[in-house]
Amino acid sequence: MAILKFRIYFEEDDSVYRDIAIRHKQHFLDLHQAILKAYEFDNKHAATFYRSNDSWQRGREITLEKYQKPYKVEPLLMAETAIGTEISNPNEKFIYQYDFNRNWVFLVELINVSKEENPKVDYPATVRVEGIAPSQYGTKGLVGDKLTEMEEKYDLQSGAEGFGTEGDDDDGQSDAEDAVDYGSEGEEEI
């Protein structure tokens, strides 16, 4: 059974992404749920996938359910559409849109196809995490584990290198301030 690995980029920052491995016979509904889990989003809103091309133009929709809006072509449903049926090239692309009010958009790109299935992995599985996920409702900050992760990755606990006290005098003034000499009457002499 083929395993497809997709890279799901956050549209506004391509340095934030998640790699998800999924069986080709699994459905877009499974991929939808895996994306939400990988980005720590809830499952309370509408969503849709769009087939796409190299220019990230939107094509045919694969929706969670049929919505009350006009369609150029009848949409496919996530629960009924196997992912493998929509893969026509080794670099297949999709656009994933979640929560139409907040308009979360992710770019989904097929990056690997493997014939080997790992028996220890429960598919779909998040196999790589890069960057801090955006906060779904804008209230989550860098607290707890995420802050620790950032501190470890960028070594934020230690002092900044290159910003020591070298060149500072004991009086706390810089050399430029020391260059001004005051005469006997308190006026500056240069």
N, C-alpha and C. Protein backbone atom coordinates (compact mmCIF):
# COMPACT_ATOMS: atom_id res chain seq x y z
N MET A 1 0.85 -1.18 0.00
CA MET A 1 0.00 0.00 0.00
C MET A 1 0.90 1.24 0.00
N ALA A 2 0.62 2.17 -0.88
CA ALA A 2 1.44 3.38 -1.00
C ALA A 2 1.18 4.34 0.16
N ILE A 3 2.28 4.93 0.63
CA ILE A 3 2.21 5.96 1.67
C ILE A 3 2.56 7.29 1.01
N LEU A 4 1.67 8.25 1.17
CA LEU A 4 1.88 9.58 0.61
C LEU A 4 2.31 10.52 1.73
N LYS A 5 3.35 11.30 1.47
CA LYS A 5 3.78 12.28 2.46
C LYS A 5 3.50 13.67 1.90
N PHE A 6 2.68 14.41 2.63
CA PHE A 6 2.32 15.76 2.25
C PHE A 6 2.98 16.76 3.18
N ARG A 7 3.42 17.87 2.62
CA ARG A 7 3.91 18.99 3.43
C ARG A 7 2.80 20.03 3.42
N ILE A 8 2.34 20.42 4.61
CA ILE A 8 1.25 21.37 4.75
C ILE A 8 1.83 22.67 5.30
N TYR A 9 1.93 23.66 4.42
CA TYR A 9 2.48 24.96 4.77
C TYR A 9 1.37 25.89 5.24
N PHE A 10 1.66 26.70 6.23
CA PHE A 10 0.78 27.80 6.60
C PHE A 10 0.98 28.86 5.52
N GLU A 11 -0.10 29.28 4.87
CA GLU A 11 0.00 30.16 3.70
C GLU A 11 0.77 31.45 3.99
N GLU A 12 0.61 32.02 5.16
CA GLU A 12 1.23 33.31 5.46
C GLU A 12 2.70 33.21 5.85
N ASP A 13 3.19 31.99 6.11
CA ASP A 13 4.59 31.83 6.51
C ASP A 13 5.03 30.41 6.14
N ASP A 14 5.75 30.27 5.03
CA ASP A 14 6.11 28.94 4.57
C ASP A 14 7.22 28.29 5.40
N SER A 15 7.73 28.98 6.42
CA SER A 15 8.67 28.34 7.34
C SER A 15 7.93 27.56 8.42
N VAL A 16 6.61 27.70 8.46
CA VAL A 16 5.76 26.95 9.38
C VAL A 16 5.07 25.87 8.57
N TYR A 17 5.42 24.62 8.85
CA TYR A 17 4.78 23.53 8.13
C TYR A 17 4.75 22.25 8.96
N ARG A 18 3.90 21.33 8.51
CA ARG A 18 3.79 20.01 9.10
C ARG A 18 3.84 19.00 7.96
N ASP A 19 4.59 17.91 8.16
CA ASP A 19 4.60 16.81 7.19
C ASP A 19 3.69 15.72 7.74
N ILE A 20 2.78 15.27 6.89
CA ILE A 20 1.82 14.25 7.29
C ILE A 20 1.92 13.08 6.32
N ALA A 21 2.07 11.87 6.87
CA ALA A 21 2.10 10.65 6.07
C ALA A 21 0.72 10.00 6.18
N ILE A 22 0.21 9.55 5.03
CA ILE A 22 -1.14 8.99 4.98
C ILE A 22 -1.19 7.92 3.90
N ARG A 23 -2.01 6.90 4.10
CA ARG A 23 -2.17 5.86 3.07
C ARG A 23 -2.95 6.43 1.89
N HIS A 24 -2.61 5.95 0.69
CA HIS A 24 -3.28 6.48 -0.50
C HIS A 24 -4.76 6.11 -0.56
N LYS A 25 -5.16 5.07 0.17
CA LYS A 25 -6.58 4.67 0.17
C LYS A 25 -7.39 5.38 1.24
N GLN A 26 -6.72 6.14 2.10
CA GLN A 26 -7.46 6.92 3.09
C GLN A 26 -8.12 8.11 2.40
N HIS A 27 -9.08 8.70 3.07
CA HIS A 27 -9.89 9.75 2.46
C HIS A 27 -9.41 11.15 2.86
N PHE A 28 -9.88 12.12 2.11
CA PHE A 28 -9.55 13.51 2.42
C PHE A 28 -10.06 13.91 3.80
N LEU A 29 -11.10 13.27 4.28
CA LEU A 29 -11.58 13.54 5.64
C LEU A 29 -10.49 13.20 6.66
N ASP A 30 -9.77 12.10 6.43
CA ASP A 30 -8.67 11.72 7.32
C ASP A 30 -7.55 12.76 7.27
N LEU A 31 -7.24 13.26 6.08
CA LEU A 31 -6.21 14.29 5.94
C LEU A 31 -6.65 15.58 6.62
N HIS A 32 -7.91 15.94 6.44
CA HIS A 32 -8.48 17.13 7.09
C HIS A 32 -8.29 17.05 8.61
N GLN A 33 -8.65 15.92 9.20
CA GLN A 33 -8.53 15.75 10.65
C GLN A 33 -7.07 15.74 11.09
N ALA A 34 -6.19 15.17 10.27
CA ALA A 34 -4.76 15.14 10.60
C ALA A 34 -4.16 16.55 10.58
N ILE A 35 -4.58 17.37 9.63
CA ILE A 35 -4.09 18.75 9.56
C ILE A 35 -4.53 19.53 10.79
N LEU A 36 -5.79 19.39 11.17
CA LEU A 36 -6.29 20.10 12.36
C LEU A 36 -5.53 19.67 13.61
N LYS A 37 -5.28 18.38 13.73
CA LYS A 37 -4.54 17.87 14.89
C LYS A 37 -3.09 18.38 14.87
N ALA A 38 -2.47 18.38 13.71
CA ALA A 38 -1.06 18.81 13.60
C ALA A 38 -0.90 20.29 13.94
N TYR A 39 -1.89 21.10 13.60
CA TYR A 39 -1.82 22.54 13.88
C TYR A 39 -2.55 22.93 15.17
N GLU A 40 -3.07 21.94 15.90
CA GLU A 40 -3.76 22.15 17.17
C GLU A 40 -4.99 23.05 17.01
N PHE A 41 -5.75 22.82 15.95
CA PHE A 41 -7.01 23.53 15.72
C PHE A 41 -8.16 22.62 16.16
N ASP A 42 -9.28 23.23 16.54
CA ASP A 42 -10.45 22.42 16.87
C ASP A 42 -11.15 22.00 15.57
N ASN A 43 -12.17 21.18 15.71
CA ASN A 43 -12.88 20.64 14.55
C ASN A 43 -14.30 21.19 14.50
N LYS A 44 -14.46 22.50 14.67
CA LYS A 44 -15.78 23.10 14.79
C LYS A 44 -16.24 23.87 13.56
N HIS A 45 -15.43 23.93 12.51
CA HIS A 45 -15.75 24.82 11.40
C HIS A 45 -15.74 24.08 10.06
N ALA A 46 -16.29 24.73 9.08
CA ALA A 46 -16.34 24.19 7.72
C ALA A 46 -14.94 24.18 7.12
N ALA A 47 -14.76 23.30 6.13
CA ALA A 47 -13.45 23.19 5.48
C ALA A 47 -13.62 22.67 4.07
N THR A 48 -12.61 22.94 3.25
CA THR A 48 -12.60 22.42 1.89
C THR A 48 -11.17 22.31 1.38
N PHE A 49 -10.95 21.36 0.50
CA PHE A 49 -9.71 21.25 -0.25
C PHE A 49 -10.01 21.71 -1.67
N TYR A 50 -9.01 22.26 -2.32
CA TYR A 50 -9.10 22.58 -3.74
C TYR A 50 -7.96 21.87 -4.44
N ARG A 51 -8.23 21.24 -5.56
CA ARG A 51 -7.12 20.77 -6.39
C ARG A 51 -6.39 22.00 -6.85
N SER A 52 -5.08 21.89 -7.06
CA SER A 52 -4.31 23.07 -7.43
C SER A 52 -3.23 22.71 -8.44
N ASN A 53 -2.54 23.74 -8.90
CA ASN A 53 -1.43 23.56 -9.84
C ASN A 53 -0.18 24.21 -9.27
N ASP A 54 0.87 24.30 -10.07
CA ASP A 54 2.13 24.88 -9.59
C ASP A 54 2.01 26.35 -9.24
N SER A 55 1.00 27.04 -9.76
CA SER A 55 0.79 28.46 -9.46
C SER A 55 -0.18 28.66 -8.30
N TRP A 56 -0.57 27.59 -7.66
CA TRP A 56 -1.49 27.60 -6.53
C TRP A 56 -2.85 28.23 -6.89
N GLN A 57 -3.32 27.93 -8.09
CA GLN A 57 -4.67 28.36 -8.47
C GLN A 57 -5.66 27.30 -8.01
N ARG A 58 -6.84 27.75 -7.61
CA ARG A 58 -7.85 26.83 -7.08
C ARG A 58 -8.60 26.13 -8.21
N GLY A 59 -8.73 24.82 -8.05
CA GLY A 59 -9.46 24.01 -9.01
C GLY A 59 -10.69 23.41 -8.35
N ARG A 60 -10.97 22.16 -8.70
CA ARG A 60 -12.16 21.48 -8.20
C ARG A 60 -12.11 21.33 -6.68
N GLU A 61 -13.26 21.52 -6.06
CA GLU A 61 -13.36 21.43 -4.60
C GLU A 61 -13.61 20.01 -4.13
N ILE A 62 -13.04 19.72 -2.98
CA ILE A 62 -13.32 18.49 -2.24
C ILE A 62 -13.74 18.98 -0.85
N THR A 63 -15.03 18.98 -0.60
CA THR A 63 -15.57 19.66 0.59
C THR A 63 -15.94 18.69 1.71
N LEU A 64 -16.03 19.25 2.90
CA LEU A 64 -16.46 18.49 4.06
C LEU A 64 -17.93 18.10 3.89
N GLU A 65 -18.71 19.03 3.40
CA GLU A 65 -20.12 18.79 3.07
C GLU A 65 -20.49 19.77 1.96
N LYS A 66 -21.61 19.54 1.34
CA LYS A 66 -22.02 20.45 0.27
C LYS A 66 -22.61 21.71 0.91
N TYR A 67 -22.00 22.85 0.60
CA TYR A 67 -22.42 24.11 1.19
C TYR A 67 -23.40 24.82 0.27
N GLN A 68 -24.15 25.74 0.85
CA GLN A 68 -25.14 26.51 0.10
C GLN A 68 -24.47 27.66 -0.64
N LYS A 69 -23.82 27.32 -1.72
CA LYS A 69 -23.18 28.32 -2.57
C LYS A 69 -23.12 27.76 -3.98
N PRO A 70 -22.98 28.62 -4.96
CA PRO A 70 -22.92 28.12 -6.34
C PRO A 70 -21.56 27.47 -6.63
N TYR A 71 -21.59 26.38 -7.36
CA TYR A 71 -20.37 25.68 -7.77
C TYR A 71 -20.30 25.65 -9.29
N LYS A 72 -19.10 25.81 -9.82
CA LYS A 72 -18.91 25.66 -11.27
C LYS A 72 -19.03 24.19 -11.64
N VAL A 73 -18.45 23.34 -10.79
CA VAL A 73 -18.49 21.89 -10.96
C VAL A 73 -18.93 21.30 -9.63
N GLU A 74 -19.75 20.28 -9.66
CA GLU A 74 -20.21 19.64 -8.44
C GLU A 74 -19.00 19.20 -7.60
N PRO A 75 -18.96 19.57 -6.31
CA PRO A 75 -17.79 19.22 -5.49
C PRO A 75 -17.77 17.74 -5.12
N LEU A 76 -16.58 17.25 -4.86
CA LEU A 76 -16.43 15.92 -4.30
C LEU A 76 -16.55 16.07 -2.78
N LEU A 77 -16.87 15.00 -2.09
CA LEU A 77 -16.98 15.04 -0.63
C LEU A 77 -15.77 14.36 0.00
N MET A 78 -15.23 14.97 1.05
CA MET A 78 -14.03 14.44 1.72
C MET A 78 -14.21 13.00 2.18
N ALA A 79 -15.37 12.69 2.74
CA ALA A 79 -15.60 11.37 3.31
C ALA A 79 -15.68 10.28 2.23
N GLU A 80 -15.96 10.67 0.99
CA GLU A 80 -16.13 9.70 -0.09
C GLU A 80 -14.96 9.66 -1.07
N THR A 81 -14.01 10.57 -0.94
CA THR A 81 -12.95 10.69 -1.94
C THR A 81 -11.62 10.21 -1.36
N ALA A 82 -11.12 9.10 -1.92
CA ALA A 82 -9.81 8.58 -1.51
C ALA A 82 -8.73 9.51 -2.06
N ILE A 83 -7.71 9.73 -1.27
CA ILE A 83 -6.66 10.66 -1.67
C ILE A 83 -5.97 10.19 -2.95
N GLY A 84 -5.70 8.90 -3.04
CA GLY A 84 -5.01 8.36 -4.21
C GLY A 84 -5.72 8.61 -5.53
N THR A 85 -7.05 8.74 -5.49
CA THR A 85 -7.80 8.97 -6.74
C THR A 85 -7.58 10.37 -7.30
N GLU A 86 -7.10 11.29 -6.47
CA GLU A 86 -6.89 12.68 -6.91
C GLU A 86 -5.42 13.00 -7.16
N ILE A 87 -4.56 12.01 -7.07
CA ILE A 87 -3.13 12.21 -7.33
C ILE A 87 -2.86 11.85 -8.79
N SER A 88 -2.47 12.86 -9.57
CA SER A 88 -2.18 12.61 -10.98
C SER A 88 -0.72 12.87 -11.34
N ASN A 89 0.04 13.47 -10.43
CA ASN A 89 1.47 13.67 -10.68
C ASN A 89 2.23 13.62 -9.36
N PRO A 90 3.55 13.39 -9.42
CA PRO A 90 4.32 13.21 -8.19
C PRO A 90 4.50 14.47 -7.34
N ASN A 91 4.10 15.62 -7.86
CA ASN A 91 4.18 16.88 -7.10
C ASN A 91 2.80 17.49 -6.93
N GLU A 92 1.80 16.66 -6.77
CA GLU A 92 0.41 17.13 -6.68
C GLU A 92 0.26 18.17 -5.57
N LYS A 93 -0.58 19.15 -5.84
CA LYS A 93 -0.81 20.24 -4.88
C LYS A 93 -2.30 20.42 -4.63
N PHE A 94 -2.61 20.78 -3.39
CA PHE A 94 -3.96 21.11 -2.99
C PHE A 94 -3.90 22.37 -2.13
N ILE A 95 -5.00 23.06 -2.05
CA ILE A 95 -5.15 24.17 -1.12
C ILE A 95 -6.20 23.74 -0.11
N TYR A 96 -5.89 23.90 1.17
CA TYR A 96 -6.82 23.53 2.23
C TYR A 96 -7.28 24.80 2.92
N GLN A 97 -8.59 25.00 2.96
CA GLN A 97 -9.16 26.19 3.61
C GLN A 97 -10.03 25.72 4.76
N TYR A 98 -9.81 26.33 5.93
CA TYR A 98 -10.55 25.96 7.13
C TYR A 98 -11.13 27.20 7.78
N ASP A 99 -12.33 27.09 8.30
CA ASP A 99 -13.03 28.19 8.98
C ASP A 99 -13.15 29.38 8.02
N PHE A 100 -14.19 29.38 7.23
CA PHE A 100 -14.37 30.39 6.18
C PHE A 100 -14.48 31.81 6.73
N ASN A 101 -14.83 31.97 8.00
CA ASN A 101 -14.89 33.31 8.59
C ASN A 101 -13.48 33.85 8.88
N ARG A 102 -12.64 33.03 9.47
CA ARG A 102 -11.26 33.45 9.76
C ARG A 102 -10.33 33.19 8.58
N ASN A 103 -10.77 32.34 7.67
CA ASN A 103 -10.08 32.07 6.41
C ASN A 103 -8.65 31.55 6.62
N TRP A 104 -8.52 30.45 7.32
CA TRP A 104 -7.22 29.80 7.46
C TRP A 104 -6.93 29.05 6.16
N VAL A 105 -5.80 29.36 5.53
CA VAL A 105 -5.45 28.72 4.27
C VAL A 105 -4.08 28.06 4.41
N PHE A 106 -4.02 26.80 3.98
CA PHE A 106 -2.79 26.02 4.02
C PHE A 106 -2.51 25.47 2.62
N LEU A 107 -1.25 25.45 2.25
CA LEU A 107 -0.84 24.90 0.96
C LEU A 107 -0.35 23.48 1.21
N VAL A 108 -0.93 22.53 0.47
CA VAL A 108 -0.66 21.11 0.67
C VAL A 108 0.07 20.58 -0.56
N GLU A 109 1.27 20.06 -0.33
CA GLU A 109 2.09 19.60 -1.45
C GLU A 109 2.58 18.18 -1.20
N LEU A 110 2.38 17.32 -2.19
CA LEU A 110 2.89 15.95 -2.12
C LEU A 110 4.41 16.01 -2.26
N ILE A 111 5.14 15.50 -1.28
CA ILE A 111 6.61 15.58 -1.34
C ILE A 111 7.27 14.22 -1.43
N ASN A 112 6.50 13.13 -1.19
CA ASN A 112 7.12 11.81 -1.26
C ASN A 112 6.03 10.74 -1.40
N VAL A 113 6.35 9.71 -2.17
CA VAL A 113 5.50 8.53 -2.28
C VAL A 113 6.37 7.34 -1.96
N SER A 114 5.93 6.53 -1.02
CA SER A 114 6.71 5.37 -0.60
C SER A 114 5.84 4.12 -0.67
N LYS A 115 6.44 3.01 -1.08
CA LYS A 115 5.71 1.75 -1.11
C LYS A 115 5.78 1.05 0.23
N GLU A 116 6.73 1.47 1.05
CA GLU A 116 6.93 0.83 2.35
C GLU A 116 6.08 1.49 3.42
N GLU A 117 5.29 0.68 4.09
CA GLU A 117 4.48 1.17 5.20
C GLU A 117 5.16 0.78 6.50
N ASN A 118 5.27 1.70 7.43
CA ASN A 118 5.86 1.42 8.73
C ASN A 118 4.79 0.80 9.62
N PRO A 119 4.95 -0.45 10.03
CA PRO A 119 3.92 -1.10 10.84
C PRO A 119 3.73 -0.47 12.23
N LYS A 120 4.71 0.32 12.67
CA LYS A 120 4.62 0.96 13.99
C LYS A 120 3.85 2.28 13.94
N VAL A 121 3.53 2.77 12.74
CA VAL A 121 2.88 4.08 12.59
C VAL A 121 1.39 3.90 12.38
N ASP A 122 0.61 4.70 13.08
CA ASP A 122 -0.84 4.73 12.91
C ASP A 122 -1.16 5.88 11.95
N TYR A 123 -1.49 5.55 10.72
CA TYR A 123 -1.73 6.56 9.68
C TYR A 123 -3.14 7.11 9.77
N PRO A 124 -3.34 8.39 9.47
CA PRO A 124 -2.35 9.41 9.11
C PRO A 124 -1.53 9.83 10.33
N ALA A 125 -0.28 10.21 10.08
CA ALA A 125 0.62 10.57 11.17
C ALA A 125 1.41 11.82 10.82
N THR A 126 1.58 12.68 11.81
CA THR A 126 2.44 13.85 11.63
C THR A 126 3.87 13.37 11.84
N VAL A 127 4.70 13.49 10.80
CA VAL A 127 6.05 12.96 10.86
C VAL A 127 7.12 14.05 10.99
N ARG A 128 6.72 15.29 10.79
CA ARG A 128 7.67 16.40 10.98
C ARG A 128 6.90 17.67 11.33
N VAL A 129 7.45 18.43 12.27
CA VAL A 129 6.85 19.69 12.70
C VAL A 129 7.93 20.76 12.60
N GLU A 130 7.63 21.84 11.91
CA GLU A 130 8.59 22.94 11.78
C GLU A 130 7.87 24.25 12.03
N GLY A 131 8.39 25.04 12.96
CA GLY A 131 7.81 26.34 13.27
C GLY A 131 6.67 26.25 14.27
N ILE A 132 6.35 27.39 14.83
CA ILE A 132 5.26 27.50 15.81
C ILE A 132 3.95 27.68 15.06
N ALA A 133 2.99 26.84 15.37
CA ALA A 133 1.68 26.92 14.71
C ALA A 133 0.99 28.22 15.08
N PRO A 134 0.24 28.79 14.14
CA PRO A 134 -0.53 29.99 14.48
C PRO A 134 -1.63 29.64 15.48
N SER A 135 -2.03 30.61 16.25
CA SER A 135 -3.10 30.42 17.22
C SER A 135 -4.43 30.53 16.49
N GLN A 136 -5.26 29.52 16.62
CA GLN A 136 -6.52 29.51 15.90
C GLN A 136 -7.40 30.71 16.23
N TYR A 137 -7.46 31.07 17.49
CA TYR A 137 -8.33 32.17 17.89
C TYR A 137 -7.56 33.40 18.35
N GLY A 138 -6.26 33.41 18.20
CA GLY A 138 -5.46 34.58 18.52
C GLY A 138 -5.21 34.82 19.99
N THR A 139 -5.49 33.84 20.85
CA THR A 139 -5.30 34.04 22.28
C THR A 139 -4.12 33.28 22.84
N LYS A 140 -3.63 32.31 22.10
CA LYS A 140 -2.53 31.49 22.59
C LYS A 140 -1.20 32.18 22.32
N GLY A 141 -0.38 32.31 23.32
CA GLY A 141 0.93 32.92 23.14
C GLY A 141 2.02 31.88 23.26
N LEU A 142 3.24 32.34 23.35
CA LEU A 142 4.37 31.44 23.53
C LEU A 142 4.51 31.12 25.01
N VAL A 143 3.74 30.15 25.46
CA VAL A 143 3.80 29.76 26.86
C VAL A 143 4.08 28.27 26.96
N GLY A 144 4.55 27.87 28.11
CA GLY A 144 4.74 26.46 28.40
C GLY A 144 5.74 25.79 27.48
N ASP A 145 5.33 24.65 26.92
CA ASP A 145 6.21 23.84 26.10
C ASP A 145 6.70 24.57 24.85
N LYS A 146 5.84 25.39 24.25
CA LYS A 146 6.24 26.10 23.04
C LYS A 146 7.34 27.12 23.32
N LEU A 147 7.25 27.80 24.45
CA LEU A 147 8.30 28.76 24.82
C LEU A 147 9.60 28.01 25.10
N THR A 148 9.51 26.90 25.80
CA THR A 148 10.70 26.10 26.09
C THR A 148 11.33 25.61 24.80
N GLU A 149 10.49 25.18 23.86
CA GLU A 149 10.99 24.72 22.56
C GLU A 149 11.74 25.84 21.84
N MET A 150 11.18 27.05 21.84
CA MET A 150 11.84 28.19 21.20
C MET A 150 13.15 28.53 21.91
N GLU A 151 13.14 28.50 23.24
CA GLU A 151 14.36 28.81 24.00
C GLU A 151 15.46 27.82 23.68
N GLU A 152 15.11 26.53 23.60
CA GLU A 152 16.11 25.52 23.29
C GLU A 152 16.61 25.65 21.86
N LYS A 153 15.71 25.87 20.93
CA LYS A 153 16.09 25.94 19.52
C LYS A 153 17.00 27.13 19.25
N TYR A 154 16.70 28.26 19.83
CA TYR A 154 17.46 29.47 19.55
C TYR A 154 18.36 29.88 20.71
N ASP A 155 18.50 29.01 21.71
CA ASP A 155 19.38 29.24 22.86
C ASP A 155 19.11 30.61 23.49
N LEU A 156 17.86 30.85 23.85
CA LEU A 156 17.47 32.15 24.39
C LEU A 156 17.82 32.31 25.87
N GLN A 157 18.18 31.24 26.55
CA GLN A 157 18.49 31.34 27.98
C GLN A 157 19.84 31.99 28.24
N SER A 158 20.82 31.76 27.36
CA SER A 158 22.15 32.33 27.59
C SER A 158 22.19 33.78 27.13
N GLY A 159 23.18 34.51 27.61
CA GLY A 159 23.33 35.92 27.24
C GLY A 159 23.67 36.05 25.77
N ALA A 160 23.34 37.17 25.20
CA ALA A 160 23.62 37.40 23.79
C ALA A 160 25.12 37.57 23.60
N GLU A 161 25.66 36.85 22.64
CA GLU A 161 27.09 36.92 22.38
C GLU A 161 27.43 38.23 21.69
N GLY A 162 28.61 38.77 22.03
CA GLY A 162 29.08 39.97 21.35
C GLY A 162 28.58 41.26 21.98
N PHE A 163 27.84 41.16 23.06
CA PHE A 163 27.31 42.36 23.69
C PHE A 163 27.76 42.42 25.14
N GLY A 164 29.06 42.28 25.34
CA GLY A 164 29.61 42.31 26.69
C GLY A 164 29.89 43.74 27.12
N THR A 165 30.71 43.88 28.15
CA THR A 165 31.03 45.21 28.69
C THR A 165 32.38 45.70 28.20
N GLU A 166 32.97 44.98 27.26
CA GLU A 166 34.28 45.37 26.74
C GLU A 166 34.24 46.78 26.17
N GLY A 167 35.20 47.62 26.54
CA GLY A 167 35.26 48.99 26.04
C GLY A 167 34.54 49.98 26.93
N ASP A 168 33.75 49.51 27.87
CA ASP A 168 33.07 50.41 28.80
C ASP A 168 34.03 50.77 29.93
N ASP A 169 34.01 52.02 30.34
CA ASP A 169 34.81 52.44 31.48
C ASP A 169 34.07 52.11 32.76
N ASP A 170 34.77 52.18 33.85
CA ASP A 170 34.16 51.89 35.14
C ASP A 170 33.08 52.89 35.52
N ASP A 171 33.16 54.12 34.96
CA ASP A 171 32.16 55.13 35.32
C ASP A 171 30.87 54.98 34.53
N GLY A 172 30.82 53.99 33.61
CA GLY A 172 29.60 53.75 32.86
C GLY A 172 29.44 54.62 31.65
N GLN A 173 30.39 55.56 31.41
CA GLN A 173 30.28 56.43 30.24
C GLN A 173 31.04 55.79 29.09
N SER A 174 30.56 56.06 27.90
CA SER A 174 31.26 55.56 26.73
C SER A 174 32.48 56.43 26.48
N ASP A 175 33.36 55.97 25.59
CA ASP A 175 34.55 56.73 25.25
C ASP A 175 34.20 58.07 24.64
N ALA A 176 33.12 58.15 23.88
CA ALA A 176 32.72 59.41 23.25
C ALA A 176 32.32 60.44 24.31
N GLU A 177 31.65 59.98 25.37
CA GLU A 177 31.25 60.90 26.43
C GLU A 177 32.46 61.39 27.21
N ASP A 178 33.48 60.51 27.35
CA ASP A 178 34.70 60.89 28.06
C ASP A 178 35.51 61.93 27.28
N ALA A 179 35.33 62.02 25.97
CA ALA A 179 36.12 62.92 25.13
C ALA A 179 35.77 64.38 25.38
N VAL A 180 34.62 64.66 25.93
CA VAL A 180 34.23 66.04 26.21
C VAL A 180 34.90 66.46 27.51
N ASP A 181 35.64 67.57 27.46
CA ASP A 181 36.36 68.06 28.63
C ASP A 181 35.70 69.36 29.07
N TYR A 182 35.46 69.50 30.33
CA TYR A 182 34.83 70.71 30.83
C TYR A 182 35.90 71.63 31.41
N GLY A 183 35.83 72.87 31.02
CA GLY A 183 36.78 73.87 31.52
C GLY A 183 36.44 74.30 32.93
N SER A 184 37.17 75.28 33.42
CA SER A 184 36.99 75.75 34.79
C SER A 184 35.66 76.46 35.00
N GLU A 185 35.06 76.98 33.93
CA GLU A 185 33.81 77.71 34.09
C GLU A 185 32.60 76.84 33.77
N GLY A 186 32.79 75.54 33.55
CA GLY A 186 31.68 74.64 33.30
C GLY A 186 31.25 74.60 31.85
N GLU A 187 31.97 75.31 30.97
CA GLU A 187 31.62 75.26 29.56
C GLU A 187 32.43 74.17 28.89
N GLU A 188 31.84 73.62 27.86
CA GLU A 188 32.52 72.54 27.14
C GLU A 188 33.71 73.08 26.36
N GLU A 189 34.80 72.36 26.42
CA GLU A 189 35.96 72.65 25.58
C GLU A 189 36.23 71.41 24.76
N ILE A 190 36.50 71.63 23.51
CA ILE A 190 36.75 70.46 22.66
C ILE A 190 38.16 70.47 22.16
